[in-house]
Amino acid sequence: MTKRFRQRLARAIIIDRASPGSVSIVGRVACGRTKENYRFAGRFVAGKAVLDIGGGTGIGHDLLLAGGASSILSLDRHVASTAPGGDARVRFVRGDFLTCPLADGQFDVVICLGTLFYLDDIDAALAKMHRLLKPAGTLIVNCINQRLVRRYFAMPLEEIDGKFSTAYDEPGLRAFLKNHFEAEPDLYVQQPVPVSRSLAGLLGFWLAPLTWPLRRHPVVPKPPGTEGMFVYAVVNKNG
């Protein structure tokens, strides 16, 4: 299998941006996964001012509002719109997260879902997320699992497409967040796959992506004997 073919296959299967009304299989999986992202984040937003980094067209903002978010600032490089349904609690801004002027200590919750590996300087991005949070504020972030990307496609994420910076496996994401927040993150997974080297485990590992269009993809504590195609972390800023 040539590297070019593996790159195209990776883009088709795991690298996507959800859009409303998608009819392709990949698009529907992406949209469903995004909804689950926000359903999970909605557990942490009651009465909170939320920054959504890479909020796109606003898929899932209804779930944050249903979770009780008091306000949502949705920041994205490519999309600027008005709040769906004219909800005054949601504001869309077009801009790059690293350069957009935002006041420190402005948000109770910062959400960065499906976006971390698009940012040019991840260390600077995490430092800014930390500054933007109020004391005891919460960061909810996910990252595609670099270890599984390498295992499925025999290359790191940044070689699949030039727009990607880097990605982390579970220990790497944990260490990265502890370095910036000086706190232990709670970790979760999405789209868990078996990682056992037994015959059953190997079959489950390679067949798992074929079942994704048939299932929901909730964010859950990691089941034993698996790794998530996406790793999630929730970490609090020291008060």
C-alpha atoms as a PDB file:
ATOM      1  CA  MET A   1       0.000   0.000   0.000  1.00  0.00           C
ATOM      2  CA  THR A   2       1.623   3.267  -1.105  1.00  0.00           C
ATOM      3  CA  LYS A   3       1.981   6.215   1.239  1.00  0.00           C
ATOM      4  CA  ARG A   4      -0.212   8.356  -1.030  1.00  0.00           C
ATOM      5  CA  PHE A   5      -3.013   5.789  -0.872  1.00  0.00           C
ATOM      6  CA  ARG A   6      -2.697   5.547   2.920  1.00  0.00           C
ATOM      7  CA  GLN A   7      -2.890   9.339   3.182  1.00  0.00           C
ATOM      8  CA  ARG A   8      -6.079   9.442   1.087  1.00  0.00           C
ATOM      9  CA  LEU A   9      -7.589   6.584   3.072  1.00  0.00           C
ATOM     10  CA  ALA A  10      -6.833   8.340   6.375  1.00  0.00           C
ATOM     11  CA  ARG A  11      -8.441  11.571   5.197  1.00  0.00           C
ATOM     12  CA  ALA A  12     -11.540   9.657   4.082  1.00  0.00           C
ATOM     13  CA  ILE A  13     -11.970   7.641   7.291  1.00  0.00           C
ATOM     14  CA  ILE A  14     -10.866   9.752  10.243  1.00  0.00           C
ATOM     15  CA  ILE A  15     -10.054  13.294   9.165  1.00  0.00           C
ATOM     16  CA  ASP A  16     -13.259  15.193   8.637  1.00  0.00           C
ATOM     17  CA  ARG A  17     -15.088  18.351   9.532  1.00  0.00           C
ATOM     18  CA  ALA A  18     -18.724  17.841  10.405  1.00  0.00           C
ATOM     19  CA  SER A  19     -21.316  19.826   8.503  1.00  0.00           C
ATOM     20  CA  PRO A  20     -25.086  19.858   8.973  1.00  0.00           C
ATOM     21  CA  GLY A  21     -27.074  17.767   6.530  1.00  0.00           C
ATOM     22  CA  SER A  22     -24.142  15.562   5.492  1.00  0.00           C
ATOM     23  CA  VAL A  23     -25.288  12.621   3.377  1.00  0.00           C
ATOM     24  CA  SER A  24     -21.991  10.763   2.884  1.00  0.00           C
ATOM     25  CA  ILE A  25     -21.077   7.973   5.300  1.00  0.00           C
ATOM     26  CA  VAL A  26     -18.007   9.855   6.540  1.00  0.00           C
ATOM     27  CA  GLY A  27     -20.034  13.049   6.919  1.00  0.00           C
ATOM     28  CA  ARG A  28     -22.744  11.322   8.935  1.00  0.00           C
ATOM     29  CA  VAL A  29     -20.175   9.692  11.229  1.00  0.00           C
ATOM     30  CA  ALA A  30     -18.469  13.070  11.700  1.00  0.00           C
ATOM     31  CA  CYS A  31     -21.742  14.824  12.450  1.00  0.00           C
ATOM     32  CA  GLY A  32     -22.804  12.134  14.914  1.00  0.00           C
ATOM     33  CA  ARG A  33     -19.424  12.191  16.622  1.00  0.00           C
ATOM     34  CA  THR A  34     -19.553  15.981  16.909  1.00  0.00           C
ATOM     35  CA  LYS A  35     -22.994  15.838  18.513  1.00  0.00           C
ATOM     36  CA  GLU A  36     -21.635  13.365  21.046  1.00  0.00           C
ATOM     37  CA  ASN A  37     -18.693  15.710  21.724  1.00  0.00           C
ATOM     38  CA  TYR A  38     -21.060  18.496  22.687  1.00  0.00           C
ATOM     39  CA  ARG A  39     -23.415  16.205  24.580  1.00  0.00           C
ATOM     40  CA  PHE A  40     -20.412  15.266  26.728  1.00  0.00           C
ATOM     41  CA  ALA A  41     -19.284  18.891  27.126  1.00  0.00           C
ATOM     42  CA  GLY A  42     -22.813  19.858  28.095  1.00  0.00           C
ATOM     43  CA  ARG A  43     -22.274  18.154  31.458  1.00  0.00           C
ATOM     44  CA  PHE A  44     -19.877  20.903  32.524  1.00  0.00           C
ATOM     45  CA  VAL A  45     -21.483  24.157  31.341  1.00  0.00           C
ATOM     46  CA  ALA A  46     -24.473  24.905  33.594  1.00  0.00           C
ATOM     47  CA  GLY A  47     -24.461  28.627  34.333  1.00  0.00           C
ATOM     48  CA  LYS A  48     -21.071  29.035  32.616  1.00  0.00           C
ATOM     49  CA  ALA A  49     -19.568  31.409  30.051  1.00  0.00           C
ATOM     50  CA  VAL A  50     -18.141  29.125  27.333  1.00  0.00           C
ATOM     51  CA  LEU A  51     -15.487  29.625  24.658  1.00  0.00           C
ATOM     52  CA  ASP A  52     -15.763  27.105  21.816  1.00  0.00           C
ATOM     53  CA  ILE A  53     -12.505  27.001  19.829  1.00  0.00           C
ATOM     54  CA  GLY A  54     -13.167  25.748  16.303  1.00  0.00           C
ATOM     55  CA  GLY A  55     -16.935  25.917  16.755  1.00  0.00           C
ATOM     56  CA  GLY A  56     -17.581  25.817  12.996  1.00  0.00           C
ATOM     57  CA  THR A  57     -21.218  26.110  11.996  1.00  0.00           C
ATOM     58  CA  GLY A  58     -22.426  25.589  15.547  1.00  0.00           C
ATOM     59  CA  ILE A  59     -23.295  21.899  15.452  1.00  0.00           C
ATOM     60  CA  GLY A  60     -23.913  20.962  19.071  1.00  0.00           C
ATOM     61  CA  HIS A  61     -24.362  24.441  20.484  1.00  0.00           C
ATOM     62  CA  ASP A  62     -27.984  23.544  21.157  1.00  0.00           C
ATOM     63  CA  LEU A  63     -26.693  20.825  23.484  1.00  0.00           C
ATOM     64  CA  LEU A  64     -24.531  23.326  25.370  1.00  0.00           C
ATOM     65  CA  LEU A  65     -27.518  25.636  25.754  1.00  0.00           C
ATOM     66  CA  ALA A  66     -29.647  22.705  26.878  1.00  0.00           C
ATOM     67  CA  GLY A  67     -26.925  22.003  29.448  1.00  0.00           C
ATOM     68  CA  GLY A  68     -27.432  25.509  30.827  1.00  0.00           C
ATOM     69  CA  ALA A  69     -24.559  27.502  29.285  1.00  0.00           C
ATOM     70  CA  SER A  70     -25.112  31.190  30.025  1.00  0.00           C
ATOM     71  CA  SER A  71     -23.175  32.303  26.919  1.00  0.00           C
ATOM     72  CA  ILE A  72     -21.137  30.799  24.079  1.00  0.00           C
ATOM     73  CA  LEU A  73     -18.425  32.544  22.071  1.00  0.00           C
ATOM     74  CA  SER A  74     -17.756  30.369  19.008  1.00  0.00           C
ATOM     75  CA  LEU A  75     -14.398  31.110  17.378  1.00  0.00           C
ATOM     76  CA  ASP A  76     -13.387  29.610  14.023  1.00  0.00           C
ATOM     77  CA  ARG A  77     -10.976  30.536  11.235  1.00  0.00           C
ATOM     78  CA  HIS A  78     -13.468  29.876   8.482  1.00  0.00           C
ATOM     79  CA  VAL A  79     -17.011  30.365   9.724  1.00  0.00           C
ATOM     80  CA  ALA A  80     -18.743  33.441  11.049  1.00  0.00           C
ATOM     81  CA  SER A  81     -22.504  33.475  11.250  1.00  0.00           C
ATOM     82  CA  THR A  82     -25.325  34.457  13.528  1.00  0.00           C
ATOM     83  CA  ALA A  83     -26.611  32.340  16.362  1.00  0.00           C
ATOM     84  CA  PRO A  84     -28.919  29.528  15.150  1.00  0.00           C
ATOM     85  CA  GLY A  85     -32.471  30.609  15.738  1.00  0.00           C
ATOM     86  CA  GLY A  86     -31.226  34.063  16.718  1.00  0.00           C
ATOM     87  CA  ASP A  87     -30.284  32.963  20.251  1.00  0.00           C
ATOM     88  CA  ALA A  88     -28.610  35.950  21.861  1.00  0.00           C
ATOM     89  CA  ARG A  89     -26.513  33.698  24.097  1.00  0.00           C
ATOM     90  CA  VAL A  90     -24.385  32.559  21.120  1.00  0.00           C
ATOM     91  CA  ARG A  91     -21.894  34.795  19.310  1.00  0.00           C
ATOM     92  CA  PHE A  92     -19.833  33.705  16.286  1.00  0.00           C
ATOM     93  CA  VAL A  93     -16.440  35.251  15.530  1.00  0.00           C
ATOM     94  CA  ARG A  94     -14.187  34.508  12.560  1.00  0.00           C
ATOM     95  CA  GLY A  95     -10.548  34.453  13.616  1.00  0.00           C
ATOM     96  CA  ASP A  96      -7.443  32.468  14.454  1.00  0.00           C
ATOM     97  CA  PHE A  97      -7.383  31.412  18.093  1.00  0.00           C
ATOM     98  CA  LEU A  98      -3.708  32.229  18.595  1.00  0.00           C
ATOM     99  CA  THR A  99      -4.032  35.806  17.336  1.00  0.00           C
ATOM    100  CA  CYS A 100      -7.614  36.709  18.271  1.00  0.00           C
ATOM    101  CA  PRO A 101      -7.620  39.284  21.117  1.00  0.00           C
ATOM    102  CA  LEU A 102      -9.483  37.859  24.108  1.00  0.00           C
ATOM    103  CA  ALA A 103      -9.333  39.037  27.705  1.00  0.00           C
ATOM    104  CA  ASP A 104      -7.638  36.786  30.244  1.00  0.00           C
ATOM    105  CA  GLY A 105      -9.884  35.186  32.855  1.00  0.00           C
ATOM    106  CA  GLN A 106     -12.966  35.698  30.704  1.00  0.00           C
ATOM    107  CA  PHE A 107     -14.411  32.166  30.526  1.00  0.00           C
ATOM    108  CA  ASP A 108     -15.615  29.500  32.935  1.00  0.00           C
ATOM    109  CA  VAL A 109     -15.250  26.734  30.342  1.00  0.00           C
ATOM    110  CA  VAL A 110     -13.033  26.464  27.259  1.00  0.00           C
ATOM    111  CA  ILE A 111     -13.923  23.771  24.713  1.00  0.00           C
ATOM    112  CA  CYS A 112     -11.435  22.607  22.082  1.00  0.00           C
ATOM    113  CA  LEU A 113     -12.932  19.619  20.258  1.00  0.00           C
ATOM    114  CA  GLY A 114     -11.571  18.282  16.968  1.00  0.00           C
ATOM    115  CA  THR A 115      -9.336  21.340  16.752  1.00  0.00           C
ATOM    116  CA  LEU A 116      -6.137  20.900  18.776  1.00  0.00           C
ATOM    117  CA  PHE A 117      -4.264  19.168  15.958  1.00  0.00           C
ATOM    118  CA  TYR A 118      -5.083  22.023  13.549  1.00  0.00           C
ATOM    119  CA  LEU A 119      -3.373  24.664  15.722  1.00  0.00           C
ATOM    120  CA  ASP A 120       0.051  25.819  14.559  1.00  0.00           C
ATOM    121  CA  ASP A 121       1.645  26.159  18.004  1.00  0.00           C
ATOM    122  CA  ILE A 122       0.034  23.788  20.463  1.00  0.00           C
ATOM    123  CA  ASP A 123       2.128  24.906  23.437  1.00  0.00           C
ATOM    124  CA  ALA A 124       1.178  28.546  22.876  1.00  0.00           C
ATOM    125  CA  ALA A 125      -2.455  27.493  22.388  1.00  0.00           C
ATOM    126  CA  LEU A 126      -2.596  25.618  25.712  1.00  0.00           C
ATOM    127  CA  ALA A 127      -0.941  28.503  27.516  1.00  0.00           C
ATOM    128  CA  LYS A 128      -3.573  30.859  26.098  1.00  0.00           C
ATOM    129  CA  MET A 129      -6.433  28.517  27.037  1.00  0.00           C
ATOM    130  CA  HIS A 130      -5.087  28.491  30.583  1.00  0.00           C
ATOM    131  CA  ARG A 131      -4.944  32.308  30.676  1.00  0.00           C
ATOM    132  CA  LEU A 132      -8.464  32.709  29.306  1.00  0.00           C
ATOM    133  CA  LEU A 133      -9.990  30.539  32.016  1.00  0.00           C
ATOM    134  CA  LYS A 134     -11.178  31.970  35.283  1.00  0.00           C
ATOM    135  CA  PRO A 135      -9.707  30.438  38.460  1.00  0.00           C
ATOM    136  CA  ALA A 136     -11.135  26.894  38.836  1.00  0.00           C
ATOM    137  CA  GLY A 137     -12.307  27.074  35.203  1.00  0.00           C
ATOM    138  CA  THR A 138     -12.539  23.919  33.086  1.00  0.00           C
ATOM    139  CA  LEU A 139     -10.857  22.941  29.828  1.00  0.00           C
ATOM    140  CA  ILE A 140     -12.489  20.203  27.728  1.00  0.00           C
ATOM    141  CA  VAL A 141     -10.199  19.068  24.927  1.00  0.00           C
ATOM    142  CA  ASN A 142      -9.834  16.084  22.642  1.00  0.00           C
ATOM    143  CA  CYS A 143      -7.172  14.808  20.301  1.00  0.00           C
ATOM    144  CA  ILE A 144      -7.023  12.097  17.699  1.00  0.00           C
ATOM    145  CA  ASN A 145      -4.921   9.232  19.047  1.00  0.00           C
ATOM    146  CA  GLN A 146      -1.492   9.436  17.423  1.00  0.00           C
ATOM    147  CA  ARG A 147      -0.648   5.840  18.374  1.00  0.00           C
ATOM    148  CA  LEU A 148      -3.706   4.485  16.554  1.00  0.00           C
ATOM    149  CA  VAL A 149      -3.124   6.740  13.547  1.00  0.00           C
ATOM    150  CA  ARG A 150       0.372   5.275  13.255  1.00  0.00           C
ATOM    151  CA  ARG A 151      -0.916   1.723  13.661  1.00  0.00           C
ATOM    152  CA  TYR A 152      -3.707   2.052  11.101  1.00  0.00           C
ATOM    153  CA  PHE A 153      -1.859   4.145   8.523  1.00  0.00           C
ATOM    154  CA  ALA A 154       1.874   3.633   9.266  1.00  0.00           C
ATOM    155  CA  MET A 155       2.561   7.365   9.614  1.00  0.00           C
ATOM    156  CA  PRO A 156       1.965  10.152  12.152  1.00  0.00           C
ATOM    157  CA  LEU A 157      -0.980  12.498  11.704  1.00  0.00           C
ATOM    158  CA  GLU A 158       1.198  15.401  10.574  1.00  0.00           C
ATOM    159  CA  GLU A 159       2.338  13.373   7.526  1.00  0.00           C
ATOM    160  CA  ILE A 160      -1.217  12.677   6.405  1.00  0.00           C
ATOM    161  CA  ASP A 161      -1.918  16.295   5.527  1.00  0.00           C
ATOM    162  CA  GLY A 162       0.137  19.471   5.816  1.00  0.00           C
ATOM    163  CA  LYS A 163      -2.629  21.316   7.686  1.00  0.00           C
ATOM    164  CA  PHE A 164      -2.106  19.193  10.799  1.00  0.00           C
ATOM    165  CA  SER A 165       0.393  20.048  13.525  1.00  0.00           C
ATOM    166  CA  THR A 166       0.672  17.067  15.844  1.00  0.00           C
ATOM    167  CA  ALA A 167      -1.414  14.684  17.898  1.00  0.00           C
ATOM    168  CA  TYR A 168      -1.028  12.795  21.172  1.00  0.00           C
ATOM    169  CA  ASP A 169      -1.737   9.340  22.471  1.00  0.00           C
ATOM    170  CA  GLU A 170      -3.305   8.998  25.917  1.00  0.00           C
ATOM    171  CA  PRO A 171      -0.089   9.269  28.009  1.00  0.00           C
ATOM    172  CA  GLY A 172       1.144  12.120  25.818  1.00  0.00           C
ATOM    173  CA  LEU A 173      -2.050  14.147  26.196  1.00  0.00           C
ATOM    174  CA  ARG A 174      -2.071  13.571  29.947  1.00  0.00           C
ATOM    175  CA  ALA A 175       1.540  14.762  30.291  1.00  0.00           C
ATOM    176  CA  PHE A 176       0.962  17.736  27.982  1.00  0.00           C
ATOM    177  CA  LEU A 177      -1.985  18.996  30.027  1.00  0.00           C
ATOM    178  CA  LYS A 178      -0.293  18.387  33.382  1.00  0.00           C
ATOM    179  CA  ASN A 179       2.643  20.458  32.187  1.00  0.00           C
ATOM    180  CA  HIS A 180       0.429  23.465  31.422  1.00  0.00           C
ATOM    181  CA  PHE A 181      -2.232  23.144  34.128  1.00  0.00           C
ATOM    182  CA  GLU A 182      -0.243  21.528  36.950  1.00  0.00           C
ATOM    183  CA  ALA A 183      -3.299  19.365  37.591  1.00  0.00           C
ATOM    184  CA  GLU A 184      -4.277  15.790  36.809  1.00  0.00           C
ATOM    185  CA  PRO A 185      -6.777  15.588  33.922  1.00  0.00           C
ATOM    186  CA  ASP A 186      -9.680  13.155  33.802  1.00  0.00           C
ATOM    187  CA  LEU A 187      -9.416  11.110  30.599  1.00  0.00           C
ATOM    188  CA  TYR A 188     -12.126   9.605  28.412  1.00  0.00           C
ATOM    189  CA  VAL A 189     -12.289   8.018  24.957  1.00  0.00           C
ATOM    190  CA  GLN A 190     -14.445   8.002  21.856  1.00  0.00           C
ATOM    191  CA  GLN A 191     -14.608   5.197  19.281  1.00  0.00           C
ATOM    192  CA  PRO A 192     -12.695   2.647  21.408  1.00  0.00           C
ATOM    193  CA  VAL A 193     -11.015  -0.213  19.534  1.00  0.00           C
ATOM    194  CA  PRO A 194      -9.472  -3.420  20.928  1.00  0.00           C
ATOM    195  CA  VAL A 195      -5.690  -3.353  21.289  1.00  0.00           C
ATOM    196  CA  SER A 196      -5.084  -6.938  22.365  1.00  0.00           C
ATOM    197  CA  ARG A 197      -2.609  -8.886  20.216  1.00  0.00           C
ATOM    198  CA  SER A 198      -4.842 -11.975  20.353  1.00  0.00           C
ATOM    199  CA  LEU A 199      -6.532 -13.094  17.150  1.00  0.00           C
ATOM    200  CA  ALA A 200      -9.909 -11.811  18.364  1.00  0.00           C
ATOM    201  CA  GLY A 201      -8.330  -8.510  19.370  1.00  0.00           C
ATOM    202  CA  LEU A 202      -6.605  -8.070  16.024  1.00  0.00           C
ATOM    203  CA  LEU A 203      -9.815  -8.809  14.125  1.00  0.00           C
ATOM    204  CA  GLY A 204     -11.727  -6.375  16.311  1.00  0.00           C
ATOM    205  CA  PHE A 205      -9.069  -3.708  15.793  1.00  0.00           C
ATOM    206  CA  TRP A 206      -9.154  -3.887  12.001  1.00  0.00           C
ATOM    207  CA  LEU A 207     -12.916  -4.350  11.688  1.00  0.00           C
ATOM    208  CA  ALA A 208     -13.937  -1.627  14.173  1.00  0.00           C
ATOM    209  CA  PRO A 209     -13.916   1.275  11.651  1.00  0.00           C
ATOM    210  CA  LEU A 210     -16.339  -0.651   9.434  1.00  0.00           C
ATOM    211  CA  THR A 211     -18.909  -0.594  12.241  1.00  0.00           C
ATOM    212  CA  TRP A 212     -18.653   3.137  12.983  1.00  0.00           C
ATOM    213  CA  PRO A 213     -21.395   4.177  10.513  1.00  0.00           C
ATOM    214  CA  LEU A 214     -23.795   1.837  12.328  1.00  0.00           C
ATOM    215  CA  ARG A 215     -23.260   3.118  15.863  1.00  0.00           C
ATOM    216  CA  ARG A 216     -23.385   6.118  18.134  1.00  0.00           C
ATOM    217  CA  HIS A 217     -20.050   7.370  19.424  1.00  0.00           C
ATOM    218  CA  PRO A 218     -20.494   8.595  23.008  1.00  0.00           C
ATOM    219  CA  VAL A 219     -17.540   9.860  25.021  1.00  0.00           C
ATOM    220  CA  VAL A 220     -16.982   7.293  27.775  1.00  0.00           C
ATOM    221  CA  PRO A 221     -14.446   6.121  30.366  1.00  0.00           C
ATOM    222  CA  LYS A 222     -11.987   3.844  28.577  1.00  0.00           C
ATOM    223  CA  PRO A 223     -13.232   0.233  28.439  1.00  0.00           C
ATOM    224  CA  PRO A 224     -10.618  -2.325  29.540  1.00  0.00           C
ATOM    225  CA  GLY A 225      -8.414  -3.631  26.735  1.00  0.00           C
ATOM    226  CA  THR A 226      -9.118  -0.715  24.372  1.00  0.00           C
ATOM    227  CA  GLU A 227      -7.809   2.615  23.193  1.00  0.00           C
ATOM    228  CA  GLY A 228      -9.942   5.431  21.839  1.00  0.00           C
ATOM    229  CA  MET A 229      -9.544   6.713  18.317  1.00  0.00           C
ATOM    230  CA  PHE A 230     -10.068  10.038  20.072  1.00  0.00           C
ATOM    231  CA  VAL A 231      -8.749  10.796  23.560  1.00  0.00           C
ATOM    232  CA  TYR A 232     -10.641  13.327  25.716  1.00  0.00           C
ATOM    233  CA  ALA A 233      -9.507  15.234  28.760  1.00  0.00           C
ATOM    234  CA  VAL A 234     -11.210  17.440  31.316  1.00  0.00           C
ATOM    235  CA  VAL A 235      -8.846  19.496  33.458  1.00  0.00           C
ATOM    236  CA  ASN A 236      -9.433  22.331  35.905  1.00  0.00           C
ATOM    237  CA  LYS A 237      -7.350  25.446  36.391  1.00  0.00           C
ATOM    238  CA  ASN A 238      -6.119  25.830  39.937  1.00  0.00           C
ATOM    239  CA  GLY A 239      -8.272  28.317  41.801  1.00  0.00           C
END
